[in-house]
Amino acid sequence: MEDKGNVNELTVEIKRLRQIIEGTNIGTWEWNVQTGETRFNERWAQILGYTLDEISPINIDTWLNLAHPDDLAESERLLNEHFKGRSPFYHCEARMKHKDGRWVWVRDHGRVVTRNQDGSPEWIVGSHMDITQEKTEQIAAERLNKIASSVPGLIYEFEMDDEGKMSFPYASPGIMGIYGVTPNEAKECVDNVFSKVHRADVAFLNQTILHSAKTLEPWNAEYRVIINGHTRWVTGFARPERVKNGIRWYGLIVDSTESKKVSLQLEESQQRLEQAQTLAHLGHWEANTGTGELYWSPQIFEIFGFEPDKFAPSTKAFYDAVHPDDRGIVNASEEQAKLTGIHDVEHRIIRPDGSIRWVHEYTHVTPQGDDDTNLILIGTVQDVTEKKELELKLIEQSYTDALTQIFNRRYAMAFMQKQFSPARRRSNDNIEGTVISFDIDHFKHVNDTYGHAVGDKALMLLARNVEDILRQDDIFARMGGEEFMIILSSSKLSDGLNLAERVRKLVESIEIPTRSGFIHITVTLAVASYSKSDLSLEDFYIRLDDGLYKGKRAGRNRVVPVIDELNEFNDKSL
């Protein structure tokens, strides 16, 4: 009776695991080692471009015929190791033949779930995950040709109700390897899991969960965990669905420490960084100018947004897709290719639906025979949109204050430094410009009394309200802590004083919510215009700071005009 109970419990767990795996869109397989009976789910066939009906009847030969011959020997070896009890799981990475003829990489996990009375394996169940993109990146990066891990990851259910309460209804034993806690400990208290997350990654992790919950987009994140004082990287993927009173995710988390170490090493050099940022989707094309032959791989059609069944590839269509603003650099690269034989350029394309993508085009040009007009062109096109968007975003972030989303000190100082550049001052003796420097009065008292969350709210409300009354070309920056600056180009001191008074009154009227009600803050402002006597930005900044301190000493909540003692007509621009 005890054995029967164990089998029943195992059967229930298998059914539950199968449900979770189906939710993660992973292919599953079951194989009776003794009889050869084999079962696949529909996703297993879809990974290879088939339906289950197309590959029926199904048996173990289905796998043997589709798997790459070079990978079968290793698969068999690992299976035997698992059958003999030398490894708790069967784990292998292998290639399989897709319906369109290409090889698809899959990560193959399995485990024996029943054995005969003599201890020989009977039923083994497992999953296939498409890792083609990961393997492509590994090959391209050379040092990432193997991310070998025989340790199974964590399969789990995660829920968040409409009130924000989180829980783990189910977690496989693999949670011990990821978070260092047991499944029961995860169920008892979600903090047992989240307390293991590196504190520098907690906000990021929460943000990705909330974003997935709001949009119902798949959750995907890479972050650090700390177990017994050791920091490790993990990568998670989950598919959300709306359930009664909340959201439920079905997911998988794996240890990605080794691959992350390699990735960080690659980032140390520009060449490796470019390889790491290169998208996996790579289109291939060939052309013969003599015969007119032209070939596009399926990925070219996808990158350019063309439907292969409804569109005939042509050189004209290729170049018509180039963004009009980028045709000059494309043509220049083509001219250079006549001398070097290499056409290497990044540019934008416009797809039929109007969307704009960035692509990296690389072509090798080879003359055929003695006729220089008969050329063989072999090229690749890669969609690098995400890389370009990341570059632009990083540039934006380097000049943006994270809390208030206005400019930061770095940008403001760089902007003013240009005003004081010797070349500009020599070329234009009448540079007009006024700067307003201000900070919040008694801001430490706000933080100490109401907490830093209220202090942060005050900074954000101030920035949002003040930004609304500024001109489009005014520079508004947070200089640090509670200090702000407004740079008014082509403005006189009187303009700055008028605006400063508006800012003072506006800030005083802002209602800042706290648990005990609304509070108000005030600011002290100093206003100065550029002067001929300011030989450097430092000189000007000292004058501005002196004015600000003068306002503080005079009682705060006021506007202080900073008059250059060497130029009493300071309201006139230089």
Protein backbone atom coordinates (compact mmCIF):
# COMPACT_ATOMS: atom_id res chain seq x y z
CA MET A 1 0.00 0.00 0.00
CA GLU A 2 2.88 2.33 0.76
CA ASP A 3 4.35 1.85 -2.74
CA LYS A 4 0.96 2.51 -4.31
CA GLY A 5 0.63 5.73 -2.29
CA ASN A 6 4.05 6.86 -3.45
CA VAL A 7 3.11 6.19 -7.05
CA ASN A 8 -0.11 8.18 -6.66
CA GLU A 9 1.76 11.12 -5.18
CA LEU A 10 4.29 10.96 -8.01
CA THR A 11 1.48 10.85 -10.57
CA VAL A 12 -0.09 13.99 -9.08
CA GLU A 13 3.26 15.81 -9.17
CA ILE A 14 3.86 14.76 -12.78
CA LYS A 15 0.44 16.13 -13.79
CA ARG A 16 1.13 19.38 -12.04
CA LEU A 17 4.58 19.72 -13.54
CA ARG A 18 3.11 19.05 -16.96
CA GLN A 19 0.57 21.86 -16.46
CA ILE A 20 3.29 24.31 -15.43
CA ILE A 21 5.54 23.27 -18.31
CA GLU A 22 2.69 23.75 -20.78
CA GLY A 23 2.26 27.26 -19.34
CA THR A 24 5.89 28.07 -20.07
CA ASN A 25 5.46 27.01 -23.72
CA ILE A 26 8.05 24.22 -23.42
CA GLY A 27 7.95 21.02 -25.45
CA THR A 28 7.45 17.87 -23.37
CA TRP A 29 8.22 14.23 -24.04
CA GLU A 30 7.53 10.88 -22.38
CA TRP A 31 9.34 7.64 -23.24
CA ASN A 32 8.86 4.10 -22.05
CA VAL A 33 12.40 2.72 -22.13
CA GLN A 34 11.16 -0.87 -22.12
CA THR A 35 8.44 -0.69 -24.80
CA GLY A 36 9.61 2.27 -26.88
CA GLU A 37 6.22 4.01 -26.48
CA THR A 38 6.78 7.75 -26.90
CA ARG A 39 4.56 10.80 -26.40
CA PHE A 40 5.13 14.44 -27.36
CA ASN A 41 3.01 17.53 -26.73
CA GLU A 42 2.02 19.89 -29.54
CA ARG A 43 4.71 22.42 -28.59
CA TRP A 44 7.41 19.77 -29.09
CA ALA A 45 6.38 19.46 -32.73
CA GLN A 46 5.99 23.25 -33.14
CA ILE A 47 9.63 23.82 -32.16
CA LEU A 48 10.54 21.93 -35.34
CA GLY A 49 7.87 23.57 -37.51
CA TYR A 50 5.48 20.59 -37.49
CA THR A 51 2.14 19.62 -36.05
CA LEU A 52 1.77 16.37 -34.15
CA ASP A 53 -0.30 14.96 -36.99
CA GLU A 54 2.53 15.60 -39.46
CA ILE A 55 5.03 13.50 -37.51
CA SER A 56 2.64 10.70 -36.57
CA PRO A 57 2.96 7.82 -35.86
CA ILE A 58 5.21 8.77 -32.95
CA ASN A 59 7.81 6.49 -31.39
CA ILE A 60 11.40 6.72 -30.21
CA ASP A 61 12.57 6.67 -33.85
CA THR A 62 10.90 10.08 -34.29
CA TRP A 63 13.55 11.56 -31.97
CA LEU A 64 16.37 9.46 -33.43
CA ASN A 65 15.55 10.50 -37.01
CA LEU A 66 15.25 14.22 -36.20
CA ALA A 67 18.24 14.57 -33.85
CA HIS A 68 21.65 15.49 -35.22
CA PRO A 69 23.77 12.31 -35.55
CA ASP A 70 26.73 13.99 -33.85
CA ASP A 71 24.66 14.67 -30.73
CA LEU A 72 22.98 11.30 -30.30
CA ALA A 73 26.03 9.56 -28.82
CA GLU A 74 26.36 12.17 -26.06
CA SER A 75 22.62 12.03 -25.41
CA GLU A 76 22.78 8.25 -25.03
CA ARG A 77 25.77 8.50 -22.69
CA LEU A 78 24.02 11.00 -20.45
CA LEU A 79 20.85 8.92 -20.42
CA ASN A 80 22.80 5.85 -19.28
CA GLU A 81 24.44 7.87 -16.52
CA HIS A 82 20.99 8.89 -15.32
CA PHE A 83 19.57 5.38 -15.67
CA LYS A 84 22.39 4.02 -13.47
CA GLY A 85 21.60 6.61 -10.80
CA ARG A 86 24.85 8.51 -11.27
CA SER A 87 23.04 11.77 -12.02
CA PRO A 88 19.71 12.96 -10.59
CA PHE A 89 18.56 14.31 -13.95
CA TYR A 90 19.21 13.74 -17.62
CA HIS A 91 20.38 17.01 -19.21
CA CYS A 92 21.64 17.49 -22.75
CA GLU A 93 21.84 20.14 -25.46
CA ALA A 94 21.30 18.82 -28.96
CA ARG A 95 20.43 19.86 -32.49
CA MET A 96 17.24 18.81 -34.26
CA LYS A 97 16.23 19.12 -37.91
CA HIS A 98 13.58 21.79 -38.52
CA LYS A 99 10.93 21.33 -41.16
CA ASP A 100 12.57 24.06 -43.28
CA GLY A 101 15.90 22.20 -43.22
CA ARG A 102 17.81 24.24 -40.61
CA TRP A 103 19.11 22.88 -37.31
CA VAL A 104 17.36 23.96 -34.14
CA TRP A 105 19.15 23.74 -30.78
CA VAL A 106 17.12 22.39 -27.86
CA ARG A 107 17.91 22.04 -24.18
CA ASP A 108 16.78 18.54 -23.21
CA HIS A 109 15.88 17.85 -19.56
CA GLY A 110 14.52 14.55 -18.27
CA ARG A 111 14.09 12.32 -15.25
CA VAL A 112 13.13 8.67 -14.66
CA VAL A 113 9.78 8.59 -12.87
CA THR A 114 9.09 4.83 -12.70
CA ARG A 115 11.26 1.73 -12.60
CA ASN A 116 10.50 -1.99 -12.93
CA GLN A 117 10.76 -4.35 -9.99
CA ASP A 118 14.34 -5.16 -10.94
CA GLY A 119 15.24 -1.46 -10.77
CA SER A 120 15.58 -0.93 -14.52
CA PRO A 121 14.12 2.35 -15.84
CA GLU A 122 10.62 2.29 -17.23
CA TRP A 123 9.07 5.70 -17.86
CA ILE A 124 11.22 8.82 -18.23
CA VAL A 125 9.65 12.25 -18.76
CA GLY A 126 11.29 15.46 -19.88
CA SER A 127 11.13 18.76 -21.71
CA HIS A 128 12.64 20.46 -24.74
CA MET A 129 13.34 24.20 -24.76
CA ASP A 130 14.32 26.03 -27.95
CA ILE A 131 17.74 27.63 -27.26
CA THR A 132 18.73 28.33 -30.87
CA GLN A 133 19.21 32.06 -30.25
CA GLU A 134 21.36 31.44 -27.19
CA LYS A 135 23.57 28.96 -29.05
CA THR A 136 23.92 31.34 -32.02
CA GLU A 137 25.17 34.08 -29.69
CA GLN A 138 27.56 31.63 -28.07
CA ILE A 139 29.09 30.71 -31.43
CA ALA A 140 29.30 34.36 -32.52
CA ALA A 141 31.00 35.33 -29.29
CA GLU A 142 33.34 32.31 -29.47
CA ARG A 143 33.81 32.26 -25.71
CA LEU A 144 30.10 31.48 -25.26
CA ASN A 145 30.16 28.26 -27.33
CA LYS A 146 29.14 26.31 -24.22
CA ILE A 147 27.09 27.33 -21.24
CA ALA A 148 27.08 23.91 -19.67
CA SER A 149 24.96 23.30 -16.68
CA SER A 150 23.68 19.94 -15.56
CA VAL A 151 21.83 21.41 -12.60
CA PRO A 152 18.09 21.64 -13.26
CA GLY A 153 16.44 24.96 -12.58
CA LEU A 154 13.32 25.98 -10.71
CA ILE A 155 9.84 25.36 -12.11
CA TYR A 156 7.19 27.30 -10.23
CA GLU A 157 3.83 29.03 -9.97
CA PHE A 158 3.85 32.58 -8.68
CA GLU A 159 0.76 34.65 -7.87
CA MET A 160 0.07 38.28 -7.06
CA ASP A 161 -3.45 39.30 -6.07
CA ASP A 162 -5.07 42.63 -6.86
CA GLU A 163 -3.90 43.98 -3.49
CA GLY A 164 -0.26 43.25 -4.34
CA LYS A 165 0.12 40.22 -2.04
CA MET A 166 2.53 37.66 -3.51
CA SER A 167 2.80 33.91 -3.01
CA PHE A 168 4.33 30.71 -4.40
CA PRO A 169 1.48 28.14 -4.73
CA TYR A 170 3.99 25.67 -6.11
CA ALA A 171 7.77 25.41 -6.36
CA SER A 172 9.76 22.42 -7.54
CA PRO A 173 12.67 21.09 -5.43
CA GLY A 174 15.00 23.03 -7.72
CA ILE A 175 14.20 26.13 -5.67
CA MET A 176 16.83 24.97 -3.19
CA GLY A 177 19.52 25.34 -5.85
CA ILE A 178 18.30 28.81 -6.90
CA TYR A 179 17.28 30.49 -3.62
CA GLY A 180 18.59 28.14 -0.93
CA VAL A 181 15.11 27.50 0.50
CA THR A 182 12.79 24.49 0.42
CA PRO A 183 9.44 24.45 -1.47
CA ASN A 184 7.58 24.57 1.86
CA GLU A 185 9.57 27.59 3.03
CA ALA A 186 8.68 29.39 -0.21
CA LYS A 187 4.99 28.58 0.27
CA GLU A 188 4.98 29.66 3.91
CA CYS A 189 6.39 33.13 3.28
CA VAL A 190 7.35 34.82 0.00
CA ASP A 191 9.91 36.91 1.91
CA ASN A 192 11.96 33.74 2.41
CA VAL A 193 12.62 33.91 -1.35
CA PHE A 194 12.85 37.66 -1.98
CA SER A 195 15.18 38.15 0.98
CA LYS A 196 17.80 36.23 -1.02
CA VAL A 197 17.74 38.75 -3.88
CA HIS A 198 20.69 41.15 -3.98
CA ARG A 199 19.41 44.42 -2.53
CA ALA A 200 20.75 46.35 -5.52
CA ASP A 201 18.45 44.28 -7.77
CA VAL A 202 15.28 44.28 -5.63
CA ALA A 203 13.79 47.42 -7.20
CA PHE A 204 14.58 46.20 -10.70
CA LEU A 205 13.04 42.78 -10.00
CA ASN A 206 9.86 44.31 -8.56
CA GLN A 207 9.61 46.62 -11.56
CA THR A 208 9.78 43.72 -14.03
CA ILE A 209 7.10 41.80 -12.11
CA LEU A 210 4.76 44.81 -11.98
CA HIS A 211 5.33 45.52 -15.68
CA SER A 212 4.47 41.94 -16.61
CA ALA A 213 1.38 42.05 -14.38
CA LYS A 214 0.19 45.30 -15.96
CA THR A 215 0.83 44.36 -19.61
CA LEU A 216 0.53 40.55 -19.37
CA GLU A 217 3.76 40.38 -21.35
CA PRO A 218 6.13 37.47 -20.56
CA TRP A 219 8.34 38.11 -17.55
CA ASN A 220 12.05 37.86 -18.25
CA ALA A 221 14.77 39.06 -15.89
CA GLU A 222 18.38 38.50 -14.95
CA TYR A 223 19.39 39.37 -11.40
CA ARG A 224 21.62 38.37 -8.47
CA VAL A 225 20.88 36.25 -5.41
CA ILE A 226 23.00 35.81 -2.29
CA ILE A 227 23.12 32.39 -0.61
CA ASN A 228 25.45 31.74 2.31
CA GLY A 229 27.41 34.86 1.47
CA HIS A 230 27.97 33.86 -2.17
CA THR A 231 26.54 35.97 -5.00
CA ARG A 232 25.18 34.18 -8.07
CA TRP A 233 23.29 35.29 -11.17
CA VAL A 234 19.99 33.72 -12.15
CA THR A 235 17.81 34.16 -15.23
CA GLY A 236 14.05 33.73 -15.14
CA PHE A 237 11.26 33.45 -17.67
CA ALA A 238 7.53 33.14 -17.02
CA ARG A 239 4.23 33.54 -18.83
CA PRO A 240 1.48 35.40 -16.97
CA GLU A 241 -2.25 34.90 -17.10
CA ARG A 242 -5.09 36.69 -15.37
CA VAL A 243 -6.91 34.61 -12.79
CA LYS A 244 -9.59 35.46 -10.30
CA ASN A 245 -8.44 38.33 -8.09
CA GLY A 246 -4.95 38.57 -9.57
CA ILE A 247 -2.19 37.36 -11.90
CA ARG A 248 -0.51 33.96 -12.01
CA TRP A 249 2.83 33.20 -13.66
CA TYR A 250 4.12 29.80 -14.79
CA GLY A 251 7.88 30.01 -14.95
CA LEU A 252 11.38 28.65 -14.98
CA ILE A 253 14.49 30.10 -13.30
CA VAL A 254 18.00 28.79 -14.00
CA ASP A 255 21.46 29.54 -12.67
CA SER A 256 23.22 31.76 -15.22
CA THR A 257 26.29 32.63 -13.15
CA GLU A 258 28.85 31.19 -15.53
CA SER A 259 27.37 32.75 -18.64
CA LYS A 260 27.08 36.10 -16.85
CA LYS A 261 30.75 35.99 -15.87
CA VAL A 262 31.68 35.46 -19.49
CA SER A 263 29.34 38.24 -20.56
CA LEU A 264 30.92 40.68 -18.11
CA GLN A 265 34.36 39.75 -19.40
CA LEU A 266 33.20 40.42 -22.96
CA GLU A 267 32.00 43.89 -21.98
CA GLU A 268 35.56 44.87 -21.08
CA SER A 269 36.48 45.22 -24.73
CA GLN A 270 34.60 47.06 -27.44
CA GLN A 271 34.80 44.18 -29.87
CA ARG A 272 33.31 41.76 -27.34
CA LEU A 273 30.68 44.30 -26.37
CA GLU A 274 29.54 44.59 -29.96
CA GLN A 275 29.36 40.82 -30.23
CA ALA A 276 27.34 40.57 -27.02
CA GLN A 277 24.92 43.25 -28.22
CA THR A 278 24.46 41.78 -31.69
CA LEU A 279 21.00 40.38 -32.14
CA ALA A 280 20.66 36.72 -32.96
CA HIS A 281 18.48 37.32 -36.03
CA LEU A 282 20.84 37.33 -39.01
CA GLY A 283 19.71 37.35 -42.63
CA HIS A 284 21.85 36.02 -45.48
CA TRP A 285 21.66 36.95 -49.15
CA GLU A 286 23.62 36.27 -52.33
CA ALA A 287 23.58 37.93 -55.73
CA ASN A 288 25.27 37.44 -59.09
CA THR A 289 25.27 40.63 -61.16
CA GLY A 290 26.18 38.66 -64.27
CA THR A 291 23.30 36.16 -64.18
CA GLY A 292 20.85 38.26 -62.18
CA GLU A 293 20.43 35.50 -59.62
CA LEU A 294 19.36 36.68 -56.18
CA TYR A 295 18.72 34.72 -52.99
CA TRP A 296 17.27 35.91 -49.68
CA SER A 297 17.20 33.74 -46.58
CA PRO A 298 13.88 33.63 -44.66
CA GLN A 299 15.28 35.99 -42.04
CA ILE A 300 15.82 38.75 -44.63
CA PHE A 301 12.09 38.71 -45.37
CA GLU A 302 11.34 38.94 -41.64
CA ILE A 303 13.76 41.82 -41.00
CA PHE A 304 12.39 43.85 -43.90
CA GLY A 305 8.76 42.96 -43.14
CA PHE A 306 8.06 41.22 -46.45
CA GLU A 307 5.92 38.10 -46.82
CA PRO A 308 7.88 35.44 -48.76
CA ASP A 309 4.73 34.05 -50.41
CA LYS A 310 3.63 37.45 -51.69
CA PHE A 311 6.92 39.18 -52.48
CA ALA A 312 9.68 38.50 -54.97
CA PRO A 313 13.11 39.60 -53.70
CA SER A 314 14.96 42.19 -55.75
CA THR A 315 17.91 44.55 -55.39
CA LYS A 316 15.56 47.50 -56.00
CA ALA A 317 13.27 46.47 -53.14
CA PHE A 318 16.32 46.15 -50.90
CA TYR A 319 17.48 49.70 -51.56
CA ASP A 320 13.99 51.20 -51.68
CA ALA A 321 13.61 50.15 -48.05
CA VAL A 322 16.61 52.27 -46.97
CA HIS A 323 15.54 55.33 -44.95
CA PRO A 324 15.82 58.43 -47.20
CA ASP A 325 18.03 60.20 -44.62
CA ASP A 326 20.51 57.27 -44.67
CA ARG A 327 20.85 56.71 -48.40
CA GLY A 328 23.87 59.01 -48.52
CA ILE A 329 25.92 56.89 -46.10
CA VAL A 330 24.79 53.70 -47.84
CA ASN A 331 25.88 55.05 -51.23
CA ALA A 332 29.21 56.21 -49.77
CA SER A 333 29.83 52.74 -48.35
CA GLU A 334 29.05 51.19 -51.73
CA GLU A 335 31.58 53.46 -53.41
CA GLN A 336 34.19 52.50 -50.84
CA ALA A 337 33.38 48.82 -51.47
CA LYS A 338 34.50 49.24 -55.10
CA LEU A 339 38.01 49.83 -53.73
CA THR A 340 38.07 47.54 -50.69
CA GLY A 341 35.59 44.81 -51.65
CA ILE A 342 33.79 45.31 -48.32
CA HIS A 343 30.46 47.07 -47.78
CA ASP A 344 29.97 47.61 -44.04
CA VAL A 345 27.36 50.11 -42.82
CA GLU A 346 24.62 50.64 -40.24
CA HIS A 347 21.46 52.40 -41.35
CA ARG A 348 17.70 52.54 -40.94
CA ILE A 349 15.07 50.86 -43.06
CA ILE A 350 11.37 51.55 -43.40
CA ARG A 351 9.19 48.44 -43.39
CA PRO A 352 5.92 48.19 -45.35
CA ASP A 353 3.92 48.83 -42.15
CA GLY A 354 5.78 52.12 -41.64
CA SER A 355 7.91 50.96 -38.70
CA ILE A 356 11.59 51.93 -38.68
CA ARG A 357 14.33 49.44 -37.85
CA TRP A 358 18.10 49.75 -37.59
CA VAL A 359 20.14 47.19 -39.53
CA HIS A 360 23.81 46.34 -39.87
CA GLU A 361 24.63 45.49 -43.47
CA TYR A 362 27.86 43.65 -44.31
CA THR A 363 28.65 42.57 -47.87
CA HIS A 364 31.69 41.02 -49.48
CA VAL A 365 32.09 41.91 -53.15
CA THR A 366 34.12 39.58 -55.39
CA PRO A 367 34.71 40.05 -59.16
CA GLN A 368 34.04 36.90 -61.17
CA GLY A 369 36.42 36.23 -64.02
CA ASP A 370 38.07 39.06 -65.90
CA ASP A 371 34.90 41.12 -66.18
CA ASP A 372 34.80 43.71 -63.38
CA THR A 373 31.08 44.27 -63.99
CA ASN A 374 30.28 40.64 -63.19
CA LEU A 375 30.30 40.50 -59.41
CA ILE A 376 29.44 37.97 -56.75
CA LEU A 377 27.94 39.61 -53.68
CA ILE A 378 27.55 37.69 -50.43
CA GLY A 379 26.08 39.62 -47.56
CA THR A 380 24.37 39.60 -44.22
CA VAL A 381 21.83 41.92 -42.65
CA GLN A 382 21.24 42.03 -38.92
CA ASP A 383 18.48 43.81 -37.06
CA VAL A 384 20.36 45.92 -34.48
CA THR A 385 17.41 48.08 -33.40
CA GLU A 386 17.58 47.11 -29.74
CA LYS A 387 21.30 47.88 -29.63
CA LYS A 388 20.80 51.32 -31.20
CA GLU A 389 17.87 52.12 -28.92
CA LEU A 390 19.96 51.06 -25.92
CA GLU A 391 22.80 53.35 -27.03
CA LEU A 392 20.40 56.29 -27.36
CA LYS A 393 18.79 55.47 -24.02
CA LEU A 394 22.17 55.28 -22.29
CA ILE A 395 23.09 58.68 -23.71
CA GLU A 396 19.81 60.09 -22.42
CA GLN A 397 20.25 58.50 -19.00
CA SER A 398 23.77 59.90 -18.64
CA TYR A 399 22.26 63.41 -18.67
CA THR A 400 19.04 62.69 -16.76
CA ASP A 401 18.42 62.71 -13.02
CA ALA A 402 16.95 59.31 -12.13
CA LEU A 403 14.48 60.58 -9.52
CA THR A 404 13.05 63.75 -11.09
CA GLN A 405 13.63 62.89 -14.77
CA ILE A 406 14.99 66.37 -15.49
CA PHE A 407 18.58 67.14 -16.50
CA ASN A 408 21.35 66.32 -14.02
CA ARG A 409 24.34 68.34 -12.81
CA ARG A 410 26.60 66.84 -15.47
CA TYR A 411 24.45 68.16 -18.30
CA ALA A 412 23.91 71.60 -16.75
CA MET A 413 27.62 72.15 -16.10
CA ALA A 414 28.54 70.98 -19.60
CA PHE A 415 25.98 73.37 -21.09
CA MET A 416 27.27 76.36 -19.13
CA GLN A 417 30.86 75.45 -19.86
CA LYS A 418 30.08 75.92 -23.55
CA GLN A 419 28.85 79.44 -22.76
CA PHE A 420 32.20 80.20 -21.19
CA SER A 421 34.35 78.57 -23.85
CA PRO A 422 37.08 80.97 -25.01
CA ALA A 423 36.23 80.43 -28.67
CA ARG A 424 32.60 81.36 -28.19
CA ARG A 425 33.37 84.40 -26.08
CA ARG A 426 35.86 85.63 -28.68
CA SER A 427 33.39 85.14 -31.52
CA ASN A 428 30.45 86.79 -29.76
CA ASP A 429 30.90 89.50 -27.15
CA ASN A 430 27.16 89.83 -26.57
CA ILE A 431 26.27 86.45 -25.13
CA GLU A 432 23.06 86.76 -23.17
CA GLY A 433 22.22 84.33 -20.44
CA THR A 434 20.76 84.24 -16.97
CA VAL A 435 20.92 81.45 -14.40
CA ILE A 436 18.58 80.78 -11.48
CA SER A 437 20.03 78.67 -8.67
CA PHE A 438 17.75 77.55 -5.85
CA ASP A 439 17.34 74.93 -3.20
CA ILE A 440 14.63 73.82 -0.80
CA ASP A 441 14.59 75.49 2.60
CA HIS A 442 15.04 73.18 5.60
CA PHE A 443 14.85 70.09 3.42
CA LYS A 444 16.69 67.99 6.02
CA HIS A 445 13.81 68.69 8.38
CA VAL A 446 11.37 67.27 5.83
CA ASN A 447 13.37 64.05 5.49
CA ASP A 448 13.95 63.69 9.23
CA THR A 449 10.30 64.38 10.13
CA TYR A 450 8.35 62.63 7.36
CA GLY A 451 10.88 60.21 5.89
CA HIS A 452 12.88 60.09 2.68
CA ALA A 453 9.88 58.81 0.69
CA VAL A 454 8.09 62.12 1.36
CA GLY A 455 11.32 63.97 0.60
CA ASP A 456 11.58 62.21 -2.75
CA LYS A 457 7.92 63.00 -3.46
CA ALA A 458 8.61 66.68 -2.74
CA LEU A 459 11.54 66.71 -5.18
CA MET A 460 9.47 65.04 -7.91
CA LEU A 461 6.45 67.35 -7.45
CA LEU A 462 8.71 70.41 -7.48
CA ALA A 463 10.43 69.28 -10.67
CA ARG A 464 7.16 68.43 -12.42
CA ASN A 465 5.44 71.71 -11.54
CA VAL A 466 8.40 73.98 -12.30
CA GLU A 467 9.07 72.24 -15.61
CA ASP A 468 5.50 73.03 -16.71
CA ILE A 469 6.10 76.81 -16.59
CA LEU A 470 9.45 76.82 -18.42
CA ARG A 471 10.11 77.45 -22.09
CA GLN A 472 11.06 74.58 -24.32
CA ASP A 473 14.67 75.74 -24.67
CA ASP A 474 15.20 76.48 -20.95
CA ILE A 475 17.55 74.08 -19.17
CA PHE A 476 16.17 72.74 -15.88
CA ALA A 477 18.49 70.52 -13.85
CA ARG A 478 18.81 68.93 -10.44
CA MET A 479 22.31 69.77 -9.24
CA GLY A 480 22.28 67.35 -6.33
CA GLY A 481 20.22 66.77 -3.19
CA GLU A 482 17.65 69.56 -2.94
CA GLU A 483 19.55 71.99 -5.22
CA PHE A 484 18.19 72.95 -8.65
CA MET A 485 19.19 75.26 -11.49
CA ILE A 486 17.40 76.92 -14.42
CA ILE A 487 19.52 78.20 -17.33
CA LEU A 488 17.80 80.83 -19.49
CA SER A 489 19.63 81.34 -22.76
CA SER A 490 19.27 84.73 -24.48
CA SER A 491 17.65 86.23 -21.36
CA LYS A 492 18.43 89.23 -19.18
CA LEU A 493 18.56 89.52 -15.42
CA SER A 494 15.08 91.02 -15.29
CA ASP A 495 13.68 88.00 -17.14
CA GLY A 496 15.34 85.71 -14.63
CA LEU A 497 14.04 87.66 -11.64
CA ASN A 498 10.47 87.54 -12.95
CA LEU A 499 10.68 83.80 -13.54
CA ALA A 500 12.34 83.20 -10.16
CA GLU A 501 9.46 84.92 -8.37
CA ARG A 502 6.97 82.77 -10.28
CA VAL A 503 8.92 79.68 -9.25
CA ARG A 504 9.02 80.79 -5.61
CA LYS A 505 5.26 81.28 -5.46
CA LEU A 506 4.57 78.10 -7.38
CA VAL A 507 6.71 75.92 -5.08
CA GLU A 508 5.13 77.49 -2.01
CA SER A 509 1.69 76.45 -3.30
CA ILE A 510 2.57 72.80 -3.94
CA GLU A 511 0.77 70.37 -1.61
CA ILE A 512 2.94 67.42 -0.60
CA PRO A 513 1.00 64.45 0.80
CA THR A 514 2.11 62.75 4.01
CA ARG A 515 0.41 60.28 6.33
CA SER A 516 -0.59 63.15 8.60
CA GLY A 517 -1.83 65.47 5.86
CA PHE A 518 -0.36 67.89 3.35
CA ILE A 519 2.79 69.94 3.93
CA HIS A 520 4.36 72.83 2.02
CA ILE A 521 7.94 73.74 1.21
CA THR A 522 9.68 76.95 0.21
CA VAL A 523 12.76 77.74 -1.81
CA THR A 524 15.44 80.40 -1.80
CA LEU A 525 16.58 81.55 -5.25
CA ALA A 526 19.59 83.46 -6.54
CA VAL A 527 19.55 85.00 -10.03
CA ALA A 528 22.64 86.10 -11.97
CA SER A 529 23.45 87.03 -15.56
CA TYR A 530 26.70 86.32 -17.35
CA SER A 531 29.18 89.14 -16.92
CA LYS A 532 32.36 90.21 -18.68
CA SER A 533 34.06 90.06 -15.32
CA ASP A 534 33.36 86.32 -15.10
CA LEU A 535 36.61 85.01 -16.50
CA SER A 536 35.53 81.42 -16.03
CA LEU A 537 32.52 79.30 -15.14
CA GLU A 538 33.97 78.93 -11.65
CA ASP A 539 33.91 82.73 -11.17
CA PHE A 540 30.28 82.88 -12.23
CA TYR A 541 29.30 79.94 -10.05
CA ILE A 542 30.94 81.51 -6.99
CA ARG A 543 28.88 84.70 -7.52
CA LEU A 544 25.71 82.63 -7.84
CA ASP A 545 26.45 80.64 -4.66
CA ASP A 546 27.22 83.82 -2.72
CA GLY A 547 23.79 85.13 -3.71
CA LEU A 548 22.12 81.93 -2.58
CA TYR A 549 23.85 82.01 0.82
CA LYS A 550 22.88 85.67 1.15
CA GLY A 551 19.22 84.70 0.70
CA LYS A 552 19.55 81.95 3.30
CA ARG A 553 21.02 84.36 5.83
CA ALA A 554 18.28 86.89 5.11
CA GLY A 555 15.55 84.46 6.12
CA ARG A 556 14.99 82.14 3.12
CA ASN A 557 11.89 81.93 0.85
CA ARG A 558 13.03 84.85 -1.29
CA VAL A 559 14.61 85.82 -4.61
CA VAL A 560 18.08 87.38 -4.49
CA PRO A 561 19.41 89.29 -7.53
CA VAL A 562 23.17 88.83 -7.90
CA ILE A 563 24.58 92.11 -9.22
CA ASP A 564 28.11 92.08 -10.56
CA GLU A 565 30.00 94.72 -8.60
CA LEU A 566 32.22 95.40 -11.61
CA ASN A 567 29.29 95.88 -13.96
CA GLU A 568 26.35 97.75 -12.45
CA PHE A 569 24.44 97.47 -15.73
CA ASN A 570 24.28 93.71 -15.35
CA ASP A 571 20.82 93.56 -16.85
CA LYS A 572 22.51 94.14 -20.20
CA SER A 573 23.92 90.95 -21.70
CA LEU A 574 27.58 90.56 -22.53
